[in-house]
Amino acid sequence: MTHLGDLEIFARVVSTGSMSAAGRALGFSAAVISKRIKRLEDRLGTRLLQRTTRQISMTEAGQGFYDRVLGILAGLEEAEAYASGRSSQVRGTLRISAPTSFGRLHIAPHLTGFMKDHPDLKLHIVLTDDFTDIVAEGFDLAIRIGELSDLSLVARRLAPVRRLLCAAPSYVASHGTPKDIGELASHICLPAHNNDNWKLEGPEGNLSYRPEGPLVTNSSEIIREAVIAGAGIALRSTWDIGRELRDGRLVQVLPQWEGSHRLTLSAVYPSRQFLPAKVRMFIDYLAALYGPVPYWEQ
């Protein structure tokens, strides 16, 4: 009888496109993955994968086998989801990817309650601002800010994202407050680390403004700390500066203008018919924590 683990390995190799990526996702070396695939092929008496130095593709037999394996794994996942759904306790490891600043500010401080409620669940959280292929890298879900571009994934909206122009009171005291967009040219602006134009929406409709300033960095957090220190005017998300706006370390500039991109904070996970209980519980926890009007907006 074929070992279920071999089926999972085969499916992961196909979905990730390589032995090494499948190994990273499952915690095995590429050599172990290759050996398990060969064992599966020997047991079946047919070749499932065509291997070259550059890519892996399925044979005709492999394609048919893969289609049927997905059904088996989905059924197993459904059974596990049903069983774990009957209990508030979940086990195993939950692998999560999240943006660096958001994870530090709005995930890390709230983990204690979730871990207390689920003591048998291990959280593996990776903070990165790089795009993460959650399937290839073996993540159960990712927290993302923006628009979902990969239609093979499922996204659940957690909270809206607003962006405001802001500055420190010390900067305003020294340089004054711009009265309209045109006056930004005479102020020190702090562009985002990706140096994109500011997409703004206000009384004159939508416009794109090219901010100019003396600071260039690949770190969004450096821009954040610089604007708090009084270095200039920046366009920042309210989740990033909500606390500073409340305590007066920052003030809103040109309040009639906001970022025009309607961004969304979402939990993104692979498109599966049955959502594992551990993923559902963590997403539910964040959704209840943030809500339609998140605490950083209040």
C-alpha atoms as a PDB file:
ATOM      1  CA  MET A   1       0.000   0.000   0.000  1.00  0.00           C
ATOM      2  CA  THR A   2       1.243   3.463  -0.853  1.00  0.00           C
ATOM      3  CA  HIS A   3       2.248   5.577   2.142  1.00  0.00           C
ATOM      4  CA  LEU A   4       0.138   8.737   2.500  1.00  0.00           C
ATOM      5  CA  GLY A   5       3.303  10.693   3.146  1.00  0.00           C
ATOM      6  CA  ASP A   6       4.570   9.773  -0.321  1.00  0.00           C
ATOM      7  CA  LEU A   7       1.367  11.127  -1.829  1.00  0.00           C
ATOM      8  CA  GLU A   8       1.787  14.406   0.013  1.00  0.00           C
ATOM      9  CA  ILE A   9       5.408  14.647  -1.096  1.00  0.00           C
ATOM     10  CA  PHE A  10       4.458  13.959  -4.716  1.00  0.00           C
ATOM     11  CA  ALA A  11       1.708  16.611  -4.608  1.00  0.00           C
ATOM     12  CA  ARG A  12       4.074  19.132  -3.022  1.00  0.00           C
ATOM     13  CA  VAL A  13       6.763  18.529  -5.656  1.00  0.00           C
ATOM     14  CA  VAL A  14       4.200  19.162  -8.394  1.00  0.00           C
ATOM     15  CA  SER A  15       2.803  22.316  -6.750  1.00  0.00           C
ATOM     16  CA  THR A  16       6.222  23.826  -6.001  1.00  0.00           C
ATOM     17  CA  GLY A  17       7.920  22.651  -9.189  1.00  0.00           C
ATOM     18  CA  SER A  18      11.096  21.388  -7.562  1.00  0.00           C
ATOM     19  CA  MET A  19      12.458  18.808  -5.136  1.00  0.00           C
ATOM     20  CA  SER A  20      14.318  21.415  -3.096  1.00  0.00           C
ATOM     21  CA  ALA A  21      11.265  23.676  -2.664  1.00  0.00           C
ATOM     22  CA  ALA A  22       9.136  20.706  -1.650  1.00  0.00           C
ATOM     23  CA  GLY A  23      11.835  19.680   0.808  1.00  0.00           C
ATOM     24  CA  ARG A  24      11.934  23.129   2.406  1.00  0.00           C
ATOM     25  CA  ALA A  25       8.171  23.126   2.766  1.00  0.00           C
ATOM     26  CA  LEU A  26       8.050  19.662   4.319  1.00  0.00           C
ATOM     27  CA  GLY A  27      11.264  19.755   6.328  1.00  0.00           C
ATOM     28  CA  PHE A  28      13.212  17.200   4.264  1.00  0.00           C
ATOM     29  CA  SER A  29      16.353  17.398   2.178  1.00  0.00           C
ATOM     30  CA  ALA A  30      16.047  17.328  -1.606  1.00  0.00           C
ATOM     31  CA  ALA A  31      17.781  13.932  -1.563  1.00  0.00           C
ATOM     32  CA  VAL A  32      15.113  12.476   0.734  1.00  0.00           C
ATOM     33  CA  ILE A  33      12.352  13.903  -1.468  1.00  0.00           C
ATOM     34  CA  SER A  34      13.951  12.372  -4.572  1.00  0.00           C
ATOM     35  CA  LYS A  35      14.273   9.004  -2.871  1.00  0.00           C
ATOM     36  CA  ARG A  36      10.624   9.026  -1.785  1.00  0.00           C
ATOM     37  CA  ILE A  37       9.447   9.918  -5.294  1.00  0.00           C
ATOM     38  CA  LYS A  38      11.529   7.096  -6.750  1.00  0.00           C
ATOM     39  CA  ARG A  39      10.101   4.685  -4.189  1.00  0.00           C
ATOM     40  CA  LEU A  40       6.604   5.739  -5.182  1.00  0.00           C
ATOM     41  CA  GLU A  41       7.349   5.295  -8.888  1.00  0.00           C
ATOM     42  CA  ASP A  42       8.903   1.864  -8.259  1.00  0.00           C
ATOM     43  CA  ARG A  43       5.845   0.780  -6.306  1.00  0.00           C
ATOM     44  CA  LEU A  44       3.511   1.947  -9.065  1.00  0.00           C
ATOM     45  CA  GLY A  45       5.703   0.602 -11.842  1.00  0.00           C
ATOM     46  CA  THR A  46       5.569   3.810 -13.857  1.00  0.00           C
ATOM     47  CA  ARG A  47       7.347   7.144 -14.143  1.00  0.00           C
ATOM     48  CA  LEU A  48       5.360  10.056 -12.730  1.00  0.00           C
ATOM     49  CA  LEU A  49       7.801  12.918 -13.228  1.00  0.00           C
ATOM     50  CA  GLN A  50      10.198  13.899 -15.969  1.00  0.00           C
ATOM     51  CA  ARG A  51      13.297  15.423 -14.411  1.00  0.00           C
ATOM     52  CA  THR A  52      15.820  17.694 -16.101  1.00  0.00           C
ATOM     53  CA  THR A  53      18.476  19.935 -14.622  1.00  0.00           C
ATOM     54  CA  ARG A  54      16.163  22.919 -15.099  1.00  0.00           C
ATOM     55  CA  GLN A  55      12.631  21.757 -14.397  1.00  0.00           C
ATOM     56  CA  ILE A  56      10.263  18.994 -13.406  1.00  0.00           C
ATOM     57  CA  SER A  57       7.182  18.080 -15.438  1.00  0.00           C
ATOM     58  CA  MET A  58       4.551  15.375 -15.124  1.00  0.00           C
ATOM     59  CA  THR A  59       4.186  12.439 -17.435  1.00  0.00           C
ATOM     60  CA  GLU A  60       0.729  11.524 -18.683  1.00  0.00           C
ATOM     61  CA  ALA A  61       0.504   8.919 -15.945  1.00  0.00           C
ATOM     62  CA  GLY A  62       1.749  11.481 -13.441  1.00  0.00           C
ATOM     63  CA  GLN A  63      -0.951  13.953 -14.422  1.00  0.00           C
ATOM     64  CA  GLY A  64      -3.727  11.431 -13.968  1.00  0.00           C
ATOM     65  CA  PHE A  65      -2.224  10.244 -10.698  1.00  0.00           C
ATOM     66  CA  TYR A  66      -1.884  13.839  -9.459  1.00  0.00           C
ATOM     67  CA  ASP A  67      -5.541  14.609 -10.190  1.00  0.00           C
ATOM     68  CA  ARG A  68      -6.602  11.627  -8.103  1.00  0.00           C
ATOM     69  CA  VAL A  69      -4.096  12.299  -5.319  1.00  0.00           C
ATOM     70  CA  LEU A  70      -5.549  15.779  -4.840  1.00  0.00           C
ATOM     71  CA  GLY A  71      -8.933  14.213  -4.199  1.00  0.00           C
ATOM     72  CA  ILE A  72      -7.446  11.825  -1.630  1.00  0.00           C
ATOM     73  CA  LEU A  73      -5.598  14.609   0.197  1.00  0.00           C
ATOM     74  CA  ALA A  74      -8.659  16.867   0.116  1.00  0.00           C
ATOM     75  CA  GLY A  75     -10.733  14.079   1.647  1.00  0.00           C
ATOM     76  CA  LEU A  76      -8.132  13.546   4.350  1.00  0.00           C
ATOM     77  CA  GLU A  77      -8.035  17.284   5.031  1.00  0.00           C
ATOM     78  CA  GLU A  78     -11.822  17.360   5.254  1.00  0.00           C
ATOM     79  CA  ALA A  79     -11.747  14.537   7.801  1.00  0.00           C
ATOM     80  CA  GLU A  80      -9.099  16.315   9.867  1.00  0.00           C
ATOM     81  CA  ALA A  81     -10.959  19.627   9.639  1.00  0.00           C
ATOM     82  CA  TYR A  82     -14.161  17.939  10.773  1.00  0.00           C
ATOM     83  CA  ALA A  83     -12.472  16.206  13.686  1.00  0.00           C
ATOM     84  CA  SER A  84     -10.496  19.246  14.825  1.00  0.00           C
ATOM     85  CA  GLY A  85     -13.529  21.454  14.302  1.00  0.00           C
ATOM     86  CA  ARG A  86     -15.334  19.420  16.937  1.00  0.00           C
ATOM     87  CA  SER A  87     -12.768  20.595  19.466  1.00  0.00           C
ATOM     88  CA  SER A  88     -11.310  23.983  20.346  1.00  0.00           C
ATOM     89  CA  GLN A  89      -7.844  22.417  20.543  1.00  0.00           C
ATOM     90  CA  VAL A  90      -5.579  22.302  17.495  1.00  0.00           C
ATOM     91  CA  ARG A  91      -2.108  20.807  17.206  1.00  0.00           C
ATOM     92  CA  GLY A  92       0.880  20.876  14.942  1.00  0.00           C
ATOM     93  CA  THR A  93       2.691  23.878  13.442  1.00  0.00           C
ATOM     94  CA  LEU A  94       1.130  26.964  11.859  1.00  0.00           C
ATOM     95  CA  ARG A  95       3.508  28.702   9.439  1.00  0.00           C
ATOM     96  CA  ILE A  96       2.722  32.382   8.870  1.00  0.00           C
ATOM     97  CA  SER A  97       4.319  35.073   6.700  1.00  0.00           C
ATOM     98  CA  ALA A  98       3.673  38.752   7.466  1.00  0.00           C
ATOM     99  CA  PRO A  99       5.074  42.219   6.604  1.00  0.00           C
ATOM    100  CA  THR A 100       7.894  43.260   8.913  1.00  0.00           C
ATOM    101  CA  SER A 101       6.505  46.459  10.450  1.00  0.00           C
ATOM    102  CA  PHE A 102       2.911  45.287  10.628  1.00  0.00           C
ATOM    103  CA  GLY A 103       3.958  41.998  12.211  1.00  0.00           C
ATOM    104  CA  ARG A 104       5.998  43.787  14.848  1.00  0.00           C
ATOM    105  CA  LEU A 105       3.296  46.337  15.672  1.00  0.00           C
ATOM    106  CA  HIS A 106       0.039  44.439  15.284  1.00  0.00           C
ATOM    107  CA  ILE A 107       0.685  40.701  15.394  1.00  0.00           C
ATOM    108  CA  ALA A 108       3.480  40.138  17.914  1.00  0.00           C
ATOM    109  CA  PRO A 109       1.807  42.055  20.802  1.00  0.00           C
ATOM    110  CA  HIS A 110      -1.360  39.951  20.460  1.00  0.00           C
ATOM    111  CA  LEU A 111       0.079  36.444  20.232  1.00  0.00           C
ATOM    112  CA  THR A 112      -0.029  35.696  23.941  1.00  0.00           C
ATOM    113  CA  GLY A 113      -3.793  35.267  24.076  1.00  0.00           C
ATOM    114  CA  PHE A 114      -3.894  33.033  21.016  1.00  0.00           C
ATOM    115  CA  MET A 115      -1.055  30.833  22.280  1.00  0.00           C
ATOM    116  CA  LYS A 116      -2.713  30.554  25.677  1.00  0.00           C
ATOM    117  CA  ASP A 117      -5.938  29.368  24.023  1.00  0.00           C
ATOM    118  CA  HIS A 118      -4.051  26.852  21.841  1.00  0.00           C
ATOM    119  CA  PRO A 119      -1.137  25.518  23.904  1.00  0.00           C
ATOM    120  CA  ASP A 120      -0.564  22.505  21.615  1.00  0.00           C
ATOM    121  CA  LEU A 121      -0.113  24.638  18.495  1.00  0.00           C
ATOM    122  CA  LYS A 122       3.350  25.867  17.534  1.00  0.00           C
ATOM    123  CA  LEU A 123       3.563  29.170  15.650  1.00  0.00           C
ATOM    124  CA  HIS A 124       6.317  29.679  13.082  1.00  0.00           C
ATOM    125  CA  ILE A 125       6.166  33.337  11.995  1.00  0.00           C
ATOM    126  CA  VAL A 126       8.442  34.836   9.326  1.00  0.00           C
ATOM    127  CA  LEU A 127       8.457  38.628   8.940  1.00  0.00           C
ATOM    128  CA  THR A 128       9.527  39.836   5.504  1.00  0.00           C
ATOM    129  CA  ASP A 129       8.681  42.651   3.107  1.00  0.00           C
ATOM    130  CA  ASP A 130       9.594  40.492   0.117  1.00  0.00           C
ATOM    131  CA  PHE A 131       6.895  38.717  -1.878  1.00  0.00           C
ATOM    132  CA  THR A 132       6.380  35.241  -0.450  1.00  0.00           C
ATOM    133  CA  ASP A 133       5.177  32.317  -2.543  1.00  0.00           C
ATOM    134  CA  ILE A 134       3.272  30.674   0.279  1.00  0.00           C
ATOM    135  CA  VAL A 135       2.710  27.439  -1.637  1.00  0.00           C
ATOM    136  CA  ALA A 136       6.324  26.994  -2.740  1.00  0.00           C
ATOM    137  CA  GLU A 137       7.706  27.993   0.662  1.00  0.00           C
ATOM    138  CA  GLY A 138       5.258  25.924   2.670  1.00  0.00           C
ATOM    139  CA  PHE A 139       3.349  28.647   4.552  1.00  0.00           C
ATOM    140  CA  ASP A 140      -0.165  27.993   5.791  1.00  0.00           C
ATOM    141  CA  LEU A 141      -1.139  31.629   5.355  1.00  0.00           C
ATOM    142  CA  ALA A 142       0.249  35.099   4.786  1.00  0.00           C
ATOM    143  CA  ILE A 143      -0.844  38.506   6.036  1.00  0.00           C
ATOM    144  CA  ARG A 144      -0.709  40.956   3.153  1.00  0.00           C
ATOM    145  CA  ILE A 145      -1.427  44.630   2.547  1.00  0.00           C
ATOM    146  CA  GLY A 146      -2.605  45.467  -0.943  1.00  0.00           C
ATOM    147  CA  GLU A 147      -4.605  43.796  -3.661  1.00  0.00           C
ATOM    148  CA  LEU A 148      -4.660  40.044  -4.261  1.00  0.00           C
ATOM    149  CA  SER A 149      -3.001  39.366  -7.615  1.00  0.00           C
ATOM    150  CA  ASP A 150      -2.686  35.574  -7.450  1.00  0.00           C
ATOM    151  CA  LEU A 151      -6.119  34.212  -8.286  1.00  0.00           C
ATOM    152  CA  SER A 152      -5.081  30.719  -7.179  1.00  0.00           C
ATOM    153  CA  LEU A 153      -5.134  31.971  -3.584  1.00  0.00           C
ATOM    154  CA  VAL A 154      -8.019  32.853  -1.295  1.00  0.00           C
ATOM    155  CA  ALA A 155      -8.066  36.123   0.661  1.00  0.00           C
ATOM    156  CA  ARG A 156     -10.147  37.097   3.672  1.00  0.00           C
ATOM    157  CA  ARG A 157     -10.398  40.810   4.368  1.00  0.00           C
ATOM    158  CA  LEU A 158      -9.300  41.706   7.886  1.00  0.00           C
ATOM    159  CA  ALA A 159      -9.355  45.516   7.893  1.00  0.00           C
ATOM    160  CA  PRO A 160      -9.254  48.558   5.611  1.00  0.00           C
ATOM    161  CA  VAL A 161      -5.970  50.430   5.129  1.00  0.00           C
ATOM    162  CA  ARG A 162      -5.878  54.251   5.065  1.00  0.00           C
ATOM    163  CA  ARG A 163      -2.838  56.416   4.339  1.00  0.00           C
ATOM    164  CA  LEU A 164      -2.393  60.008   5.511  1.00  0.00           C
ATOM    165  CA  LEU A 165       0.129  62.805   5.016  1.00  0.00           C
ATOM    166  CA  CYS A 166       1.783  63.563   8.333  1.00  0.00           C
ATOM    167  CA  ALA A 167       4.649  65.395  10.003  1.00  0.00           C
ATOM    168  CA  ALA A 168       6.031  65.972  13.487  1.00  0.00           C
ATOM    169  CA  PRO A 169       5.015  69.140  15.378  1.00  0.00           C
ATOM    170  CA  SER A 170       8.702  70.135  15.418  1.00  0.00           C
ATOM    171  CA  TYR A 171       8.822  70.068  11.614  1.00  0.00           C
ATOM    172  CA  VAL A 172       5.624  72.121  11.356  1.00  0.00           C
ATOM    173  CA  ALA A 173       7.005  74.638  13.845  1.00  0.00           C
ATOM    174  CA  SER A 174      10.160  75.069  11.768  1.00  0.00           C
ATOM    175  CA  HIS A 175       8.760  74.874   8.229  1.00  0.00           C
ATOM    176  CA  GLY A 176       5.085  75.743   8.517  1.00  0.00           C
ATOM    177  CA  THR A 177       2.124  73.756   7.175  1.00  0.00           C
ATOM    178  CA  PRO A 178       1.426  73.413   3.440  1.00  0.00           C
ATOM    179  CA  LYS A 179      -1.968  74.834   2.484  1.00  0.00           C
ATOM    180  CA  ASP A 180      -2.334  72.864  -0.756  1.00  0.00           C
ATOM    181  CA  ILE A 181      -0.578  70.186  -2.795  1.00  0.00           C
ATOM    182  CA  GLY A 182       1.374  72.769  -4.755  1.00  0.00           C
ATOM    183  CA  GLU A 183       3.122  73.952  -1.591  1.00  0.00           C
ATOM    184  CA  LEU A 184       4.605  70.484  -0.995  1.00  0.00           C
ATOM    185  CA  ALA A 185       7.325  71.450  -3.498  1.00  0.00           C
ATOM    186  CA  SER A 186       8.738  73.889  -0.956  1.00  0.00           C
ATOM    187  CA  HIS A 187       8.754  71.290   1.839  1.00  0.00           C
ATOM    188  CA  ILE A 188      10.987  68.331   2.693  1.00  0.00           C
ATOM    189  CA  CYS A 189       9.193  65.153   1.654  1.00  0.00           C
ATOM    190  CA  LEU A 190      10.150  61.655   2.687  1.00  0.00           C
ATOM    191  CA  PRO A 191       9.304  59.231  -0.154  1.00  0.00           C
ATOM    192  CA  ALA A 192       8.493  55.628   0.631  1.00  0.00           C
ATOM    193  CA  HIS A 193      11.399  53.217   0.463  1.00  0.00           C
ATOM    194  CA  ASN A 194      10.264  52.054  -3.003  1.00  0.00           C
ATOM    195  CA  ASN A 195      10.288  55.697  -4.192  1.00  0.00           C
ATOM    196  CA  ASP A 196       6.821  55.447  -5.754  1.00  0.00           C
ATOM    197  CA  ASN A 197       4.734  58.514  -6.493  1.00  0.00           C
ATOM    198  CA  TRP A 198       2.170  59.492  -3.880  1.00  0.00           C
ATOM    199  CA  LYS A 199      -1.255  58.547  -5.225  1.00  0.00           C
ATOM    200  CA  LEU A 200      -3.633  60.976  -3.542  1.00  0.00           C
ATOM    201  CA  GLU A 201      -7.353  61.644  -3.495  1.00  0.00           C
ATOM    202  CA  GLY A 202      -8.915  64.934  -2.419  1.00  0.00           C
ATOM    203  CA  PRO A 203     -11.110  67.886  -3.379  1.00  0.00           C
ATOM    204  CA  GLU A 204      -9.555  68.058  -6.854  1.00  0.00           C
ATOM    205  CA  GLY A 205     -10.009  64.343  -7.506  1.00  0.00           C
ATOM    206  CA  ASN A 206      -7.106  61.922  -7.912  1.00  0.00           C
ATOM    207  CA  LEU A 207      -3.558  63.001  -8.576  1.00  0.00           C
ATOM    208  CA  SER A 208      -0.044  61.598  -8.581  1.00  0.00           C
ATOM    209  CA  TYR A 209       2.623  63.598  -6.787  1.00  0.00           C
ATOM    210  CA  ARG A 210       6.356  62.942  -7.076  1.00  0.00           C
ATOM    211  CA  PRO A 211       7.835  63.569  -3.596  1.00  0.00           C
ATOM    212  CA  GLU A 212      11.365  64.898  -3.421  1.00  0.00           C
ATOM    213  CA  GLY A 213      13.633  64.748  -0.397  1.00  0.00           C
ATOM    214  CA  PRO A 214      17.198  64.250   0.836  1.00  0.00           C
ATOM    215  CA  LEU A 215      16.640  60.770   2.317  1.00  0.00           C
ATOM    216  CA  VAL A 216      16.876  57.590   0.246  1.00  0.00           C
ATOM    217  CA  THR A 217      16.524  54.212   1.959  1.00  0.00           C
ATOM    218  CA  ASN A 218      15.294  50.686   1.337  1.00  0.00           C
ATOM    219  CA  SER A 219      13.655  50.620   4.785  1.00  0.00           C
ATOM    220  CA  SER A 220      10.084  51.714   5.420  1.00  0.00           C
ATOM    221  CA  GLU A 221      10.886  51.806   9.144  1.00  0.00           C
ATOM    222  CA  ILE A 222      13.641  54.379   8.610  1.00  0.00           C
ATOM    223  CA  ILE A 223      11.107  56.645   6.880  1.00  0.00           C
ATOM    224  CA  ARG A 224       8.731  56.106   9.788  1.00  0.00           C
ATOM    225  CA  GLU A 225      11.322  57.023  12.412  1.00  0.00           C
ATOM    226  CA  ALA A 226      12.539  59.983  10.347  1.00  0.00           C
ATOM    227  CA  VAL A 227       9.095  61.568  10.069  1.00  0.00           C
ATOM    228  CA  ILE A 228       8.515  61.096  13.825  1.00  0.00           C
ATOM    229  CA  ALA A 229      11.881  62.777  14.481  1.00  0.00           C
ATOM    230  CA  GLY A 230      10.828  65.836  12.463  1.00  0.00           C
ATOM    231  CA  ALA A 231      12.773  65.232   9.245  1.00  0.00           C
ATOM    232  CA  GLY A 232       9.900  66.000   6.868  1.00  0.00           C
ATOM    233  CA  ILE A 233       6.450  65.070   5.548  1.00  0.00           C
ATOM    234  CA  ALA A 234       5.544  61.466   4.739  1.00  0.00           C
ATOM    235  CA  LEU A 235       2.577  59.460   3.475  1.00  0.00           C
ATOM    236  CA  ARG A 236       2.011  56.683   6.012  1.00  0.00           C
ATOM    237  CA  SER A 237      -0.635  54.076   6.765  1.00  0.00           C
ATOM    238  CA  THR A 238      -2.733  54.655   9.870  1.00  0.00           C
ATOM    239  CA  TRP A 239      -1.793  51.210  11.209  1.00  0.00           C
ATOM    240  CA  ASP A 240       1.809  52.458  11.156  1.00  0.00           C
ATOM    241  CA  ILE A 241       1.315  55.871  12.807  1.00  0.00           C
ATOM    242  CA  GLY A 242      -2.040  55.653  14.625  1.00  0.00           C
ATOM    243  CA  ARG A 243      -0.447  55.725  18.072  1.00  0.00           C
ATOM    244  CA  GLU A 244       1.750  58.723  17.196  1.00  0.00           C
ATOM    245  CA  LEU A 245      -1.251  60.657  15.845  1.00  0.00           C
ATOM    246  CA  ARG A 246      -3.151  59.987  19.079  1.00  0.00           C
ATOM    247  CA  ASP A 247      -0.329  61.017  21.415  1.00  0.00           C
ATOM    248  CA  GLY A 248       0.631  64.091  19.385  1.00  0.00           C
ATOM    249  CA  ARG A 249       4.039  62.994  18.150  1.00  0.00           C
ATOM    250  CA  LEU A 250       2.647  63.369  14.622  1.00  0.00           C
ATOM    251  CA  VAL A 251      -0.011  65.622  13.134  1.00  0.00           C
ATOM    252  CA  GLN A 252      -1.949  65.200   9.924  1.00  0.00           C
ATOM    253  CA  VAL A 253      -0.923  67.494   7.076  1.00  0.00           C
ATOM    254  CA  LEU A 254      -3.333  68.478   4.285  1.00  0.00           C
ATOM    255  CA  PRO A 255      -6.174  66.486   5.914  1.00  0.00           C
ATOM    256  CA  GLN A 256      -8.340  66.966   2.827  1.00  0.00           C
ATOM    257  CA  TRP A 257      -6.003  64.609   0.970  1.00  0.00           C
ATOM    258  CA  GLU A 258      -5.491  60.883   1.598  1.00  0.00           C
ATOM    259  CA  GLY A 259      -3.869  58.012  -0.225  1.00  0.00           C
ATOM    260  CA  SER A 260      -6.108  57.094  -3.161  1.00  0.00           C
ATOM    261  CA  HIS A 261      -5.230  53.400  -3.320  1.00  0.00           C
ATOM    262  CA  ARG A 262      -7.948  51.524  -1.470  1.00  0.00           C
ATOM    263  CA  LEU A 263      -5.687  48.945   0.096  1.00  0.00           C
ATOM    264  CA  THR A 264      -6.841  46.052   2.232  1.00  0.00           C
ATOM    265  CA  LEU A 265      -5.273  44.079   5.031  1.00  0.00           C
ATOM    266  CA  SER A 266      -5.973  40.429   4.196  1.00  0.00           C
ATOM    267  CA  ALA A 267      -5.187  36.924   5.315  1.00  0.00           C
ATOM    268  CA  VAL A 268      -4.183  34.919   2.244  1.00  0.00           C
ATOM    269  CA  TYR A 269      -4.067  31.142   2.081  1.00  0.00           C
ATOM    270  CA  PRO A 270      -3.889  28.430  -0.591  1.00  0.00           C
ATOM    271  CA  SER A 271      -7.118  27.778  -2.430  1.00  0.00           C
ATOM    272  CA  ARG A 272      -8.359  24.600  -0.796  1.00  0.00           C
ATOM    273  CA  GLN A 273     -11.821  23.176  -0.528  1.00  0.00           C
ATOM    274  CA  PHE A 274     -11.399  22.579   3.185  1.00  0.00           C
ATOM    275  CA  LEU A 275      -9.671  25.137   5.386  1.00  0.00           C
ATOM    276  CA  PRO A 276      -7.577  23.567   8.187  1.00  0.00           C
ATOM    277  CA  ALA A 277      -8.908  24.404  11.640  1.00  0.00           C
ATOM    278  CA  LYS A 278      -5.588  25.899  12.781  1.00  0.00           C
ATOM    279  CA  VAL A 279      -5.631  28.382   9.876  1.00  0.00           C
ATOM    280  CA  ARG A 280      -9.299  29.246  10.359  1.00  0.00           C
ATOM    281  CA  MET A 281      -8.839  29.850  14.097  1.00  0.00           C
ATOM    282  CA  PHE A 282      -5.888  32.201  13.613  1.00  0.00           C
ATOM    283  CA  ILE A 283      -7.677  34.168  10.894  1.00  0.00           C
ATOM    284  CA  ASP A 284     -10.810  34.405  13.055  1.00  0.00           C
ATOM    285  CA  TYR A 285      -8.653  35.638  15.934  1.00  0.00           C
ATOM    286  CA  LEU A 286      -7.139  38.440  13.835  1.00  0.00           C
ATOM    287  CA  ALA A 287     -10.491  39.378  12.276  1.00  0.00           C
ATOM    288  CA  ALA A 288     -12.057  39.766  15.726  1.00  0.00           C
ATOM    289  CA  LEU A 289      -9.014  41.713  16.946  1.00  0.00           C
ATOM    290  CA  TYR A 290      -8.966  44.257  14.107  1.00  0.00           C
ATOM    291  CA  GLY A 291     -12.608  44.524  13.022  1.00  0.00           C
ATOM    292  CA  PRO A 292     -14.171  46.810  10.374  1.00  0.00           C
ATOM    293  CA  VAL A 293     -12.863  49.871  12.285  1.00  0.00           C
ATOM    294  CA  PRO A 294      -9.475  48.683  13.587  1.00  0.00           C
ATOM    295  CA  TYR A 295      -8.188  49.872  16.935  1.00  0.00           C
ATOM    296  CA  TRP A 296      -5.428  51.966  15.351  1.00  0.00           C
ATOM    297  CA  GLU A 297      -8.175  54.100  13.731  1.00  0.00           C
ATOM    298  CA  GLN A 298      -9.969  54.729  17.026  1.00  0.00           C
END
